[in-house]
Amino acid sequence: MTKDMTVGNPLGLILRFSLPLLAGNLMQQGYNLVDAAIVGQFLGTNALAAVGASSSVQFLVMGF
């Protein structure tokens, strides 16, 4: 017998569904933070501005 997403405690089901999404978003934000730190340190302000401008577009694409 398999357990599906329509039977059981709704709060537990929502949490089990949303935890991988939350973990993925946290990893993506960590990547953007490290990327901005490295680019800002070694490539300068223009490159850092480009990374900052593209991170919101990247987040939008990953959201879909």
N, C-alpha and C. Protein backbone atom coordinates (compact mmCIF):
# COMPACT_ATOMS: atom_id res chain seq x y z
N MET A 1 0.84 -1.17 0.00
CA MET A 1 0.00 0.00 0.00
C MET A 1 0.89 1.24 0.00
N THR A 2 0.68 2.12 -0.96
CA THR A 2 1.47 3.33 -1.05
C THR A 2 0.70 4.51 -0.45
N LYS A 3 1.43 5.43 0.11
CA LYS A 3 0.81 6.62 0.69
C LYS A 3 0.91 7.75 -0.33
N ASP A 4 -0.23 8.33 -0.64
CA ASP A 4 -0.22 9.42 -1.60
C ASP A 4 -0.46 10.75 -0.88
N MET A 5 -0.50 11.83 -1.65
CA MET A 5 -0.59 13.16 -1.09
C MET A 5 -2.02 13.60 -0.79
N THR A 6 -2.98 12.69 -0.89
CA THR A 6 -4.36 13.05 -0.61
C THR A 6 -4.88 12.44 0.69
N VAL A 7 -4.06 11.64 1.35
CA VAL A 7 -4.50 10.97 2.57
C VAL A 7 -3.54 11.34 3.69
N GLY A 8 -4.08 11.74 4.83
CA GLY A 8 -3.25 12.02 5.99
C GLY A 8 -3.40 13.44 6.50
N ASN A 9 -2.49 13.80 7.39
CA ASN A 9 -2.47 15.11 8.01
C ASN A 9 -2.07 16.16 6.96
N PRO A 10 -2.92 17.16 6.69
CA PRO A 10 -2.59 18.15 5.65
C PRO A 10 -1.31 18.94 5.95
N LEU A 11 -1.09 19.31 7.20
CA LEU A 11 0.11 20.08 7.53
C LEU A 11 1.37 19.26 7.26
N GLY A 12 1.37 18.01 7.65
CA GLY A 12 2.52 17.14 7.41
C GLY A 12 2.77 16.93 5.92
N LEU A 13 1.69 16.78 5.15
CA LEU A 13 1.84 16.60 3.71
C LEU A 13 2.41 17.85 3.05
N ILE A 14 1.93 19.01 3.48
CA ILE A 14 2.43 20.26 2.91
C ILE A 14 3.90 20.45 3.25
N LEU A 15 4.28 20.15 4.48
CA LEU A 15 5.68 20.27 4.88
C LEU A 15 6.57 19.31 4.10
N ARG A 16 6.13 18.06 3.94
CA ARG A 16 6.92 17.09 3.17
C ARG A 16 7.07 17.52 1.72
N PHE A 17 6.07 18.20 1.17
CA PHE A 17 6.14 18.67 -0.21
C PHE A 17 7.03 19.90 -0.32
N SER A 18 6.97 20.79 0.67
CA SER A 18 7.66 22.07 0.54
C SER A 18 9.12 22.04 1.00
N LEU A 19 9.53 21.09 1.80
CA LEU A 19 10.91 21.08 2.29
C LEU A 19 11.94 20.94 1.16
N PRO A 20 11.76 20.08 0.18
CA PRO A 20 12.74 20.06 -0.93
C PRO A 20 12.78 21.36 -1.72
N LEU A 21 11.63 22.02 -1.87
CA LEU A 21 11.61 23.31 -2.56
C LEU A 21 12.37 24.36 -1.76
N LEU A 22 12.16 24.37 -0.46
CA LEU A 22 12.86 25.31 0.40
C LEU A 22 14.37 25.05 0.37
N ALA A 23 14.76 23.80 0.43
CA ALA A 23 16.19 23.46 0.39
C ALA A 23 16.81 23.90 -0.93
N GLY A 24 16.12 23.68 -2.03
CA GLY A 24 16.63 24.11 -3.32
C GLY A 24 16.78 25.62 -3.42
N ASN A 25 15.80 26.35 -2.88
CA ASN A 25 15.89 27.82 -2.89
C ASN A 25 17.04 28.32 -2.01
N LEU A 26 17.24 27.68 -0.88
CA LEU A 26 18.35 28.08 -0.01
C LEU A 26 19.70 27.81 -0.68
N MET A 27 19.82 26.69 -1.37
CA MET A 27 21.06 26.41 -2.08
C MET A 27 21.29 27.40 -3.21
N GLN A 28 20.22 27.78 -3.91
CA GLN A 28 20.34 28.75 -4.99
C GLN A 28 20.76 30.11 -4.44
N GLN A 29 20.21 30.52 -3.32
CA GLN A 29 20.61 31.79 -2.71
C GLN A 29 22.06 31.74 -2.23
N GLY A 30 22.47 30.60 -1.71
CA GLY A 30 23.87 30.45 -1.31
C GLY A 30 24.82 30.55 -2.50
N TYR A 31 24.43 29.95 -3.61
CA TYR A 31 25.22 30.04 -4.84
C TYR A 31 25.33 31.50 -5.29
N ASN A 32 24.21 32.22 -5.28
CA ASN A 32 24.23 33.61 -5.70
C ASN A 32 25.10 34.46 -4.77
N LEU A 33 25.07 34.17 -3.48
CA LEU A 33 25.89 34.91 -2.53
C LEU A 33 27.38 34.68 -2.78
N VAL A 34 27.76 33.44 -2.95
CA VAL A 34 29.16 33.11 -3.20
C VAL A 34 29.60 33.67 -4.55
N ASP A 35 28.74 33.56 -5.56
CA ASP A 35 29.05 34.09 -6.88
C ASP A 35 29.29 35.60 -6.81
N ALA A 36 28.43 36.32 -6.11
CA ALA A 36 28.59 37.77 -5.98
C ALA A 36 29.87 38.11 -5.21
N ALA A 37 30.18 37.35 -4.19
CA ALA A 37 31.40 37.62 -3.41
C ALA A 37 32.65 37.42 -4.25
N ILE A 38 32.69 36.34 -5.01
CA ILE A 38 33.87 36.06 -5.83
C ILE A 38 34.00 37.06 -6.97
N VAL A 39 32.90 37.33 -7.65
CA VAL A 39 32.93 38.27 -8.77
C VAL A 39 33.28 39.67 -8.26
N GLY A 40 32.71 40.10 -7.17
CA GLY A 40 33.01 41.41 -6.62
C GLY A 40 34.45 41.55 -6.17
N GLN A 41 35.02 40.47 -5.66
CA GLN A 41 36.40 40.51 -5.18
C GLN A 41 37.41 40.56 -6.33
N PHE A 42 37.16 39.80 -7.39
CA PHE A 42 38.17 39.63 -8.42
C PHE A 42 37.89 40.36 -9.74
N LEU A 43 36.64 40.67 -10.05
CA LEU A 43 36.34 41.22 -11.36
C LEU A 43 35.88 42.66 -11.35
N GLY A 44 35.47 43.19 -10.22
CA GLY A 44 35.14 44.61 -10.15
C GLY A 44 33.65 44.89 -10.09
N THR A 45 33.35 46.19 -10.07
CA THR A 45 31.97 46.63 -9.83
C THR A 45 31.04 46.40 -11.01
N ASN A 46 31.54 46.54 -12.24
CA ASN A 46 30.66 46.30 -13.40
C ASN A 46 30.22 44.85 -13.47
N ALA A 47 31.14 43.94 -13.21
CA ALA A 47 30.80 42.52 -13.22
C ALA A 47 29.86 42.19 -12.07
N LEU A 48 30.07 42.81 -10.93
CA LEU A 48 29.18 42.58 -9.78
C LEU A 48 27.78 43.09 -10.08
N ALA A 49 27.67 44.22 -10.75
CA ALA A 49 26.36 44.74 -11.14
C ALA A 49 25.67 43.79 -12.11
N ALA A 50 26.42 43.18 -13.02
CA ALA A 50 25.84 42.23 -13.96
C ALA A 50 25.34 40.98 -13.24
N VAL A 51 26.09 40.52 -12.26
CA VAL A 51 25.66 39.36 -11.48
C VAL A 51 24.40 39.70 -10.69
N GLY A 52 24.36 40.87 -10.10
CA GLY A 52 23.18 41.29 -9.34
C GLY A 52 21.95 41.43 -10.21
N ALA A 53 22.14 41.93 -11.42
CA ALA A 53 21.00 42.11 -12.32
C ALA A 53 20.48 40.77 -12.85
N SER A 54 21.37 39.81 -13.00
CA SER A 54 20.93 38.53 -13.57
C SER A 54 20.43 37.55 -12.52
N SER A 55 20.71 37.79 -11.25
CA SER A 55 20.30 36.82 -10.23
C SER A 55 18.78 36.76 -10.07
N SER A 56 18.09 37.89 -10.23
CA SER A 56 16.63 37.85 -10.12
C SER A 56 16.01 37.13 -11.31
N VAL A 57 16.59 37.28 -12.47
CA VAL A 57 16.10 36.55 -13.65
C VAL A 57 16.35 35.06 -13.47
N GLN A 58 17.50 34.70 -12.94
CA GLN A 58 17.82 33.29 -12.68
C GLN A 58 16.84 32.71 -11.66
N PHE A 59 16.51 33.46 -10.62
CA PHE A 59 15.56 33.00 -9.62
C PHE A 59 14.17 32.80 -10.23
N LEU A 60 13.77 33.70 -11.13
CA LEU A 60 12.49 33.57 -11.80
C LEU A 60 12.43 32.32 -12.66
N VAL A 61 13.48 32.05 -13.41
CA VAL A 61 13.52 30.86 -14.27
C VAL A 61 13.50 29.58 -13.42
N MET A 62 14.26 29.58 -12.33
CA MET A 62 14.28 28.40 -11.46
C MET A 62 12.92 28.21 -10.77
N GLY A 63 12.20 29.29 -10.52
CA GLY A 63 10.88 29.19 -9.91
C GLY A 63 9.86 28.51 -10.82
N PHE A 64 10.01 28.71 -12.12
CA PHE A 64 9.09 28.06 -13.04
C PHE A 64 9.49 26.63 -13.26
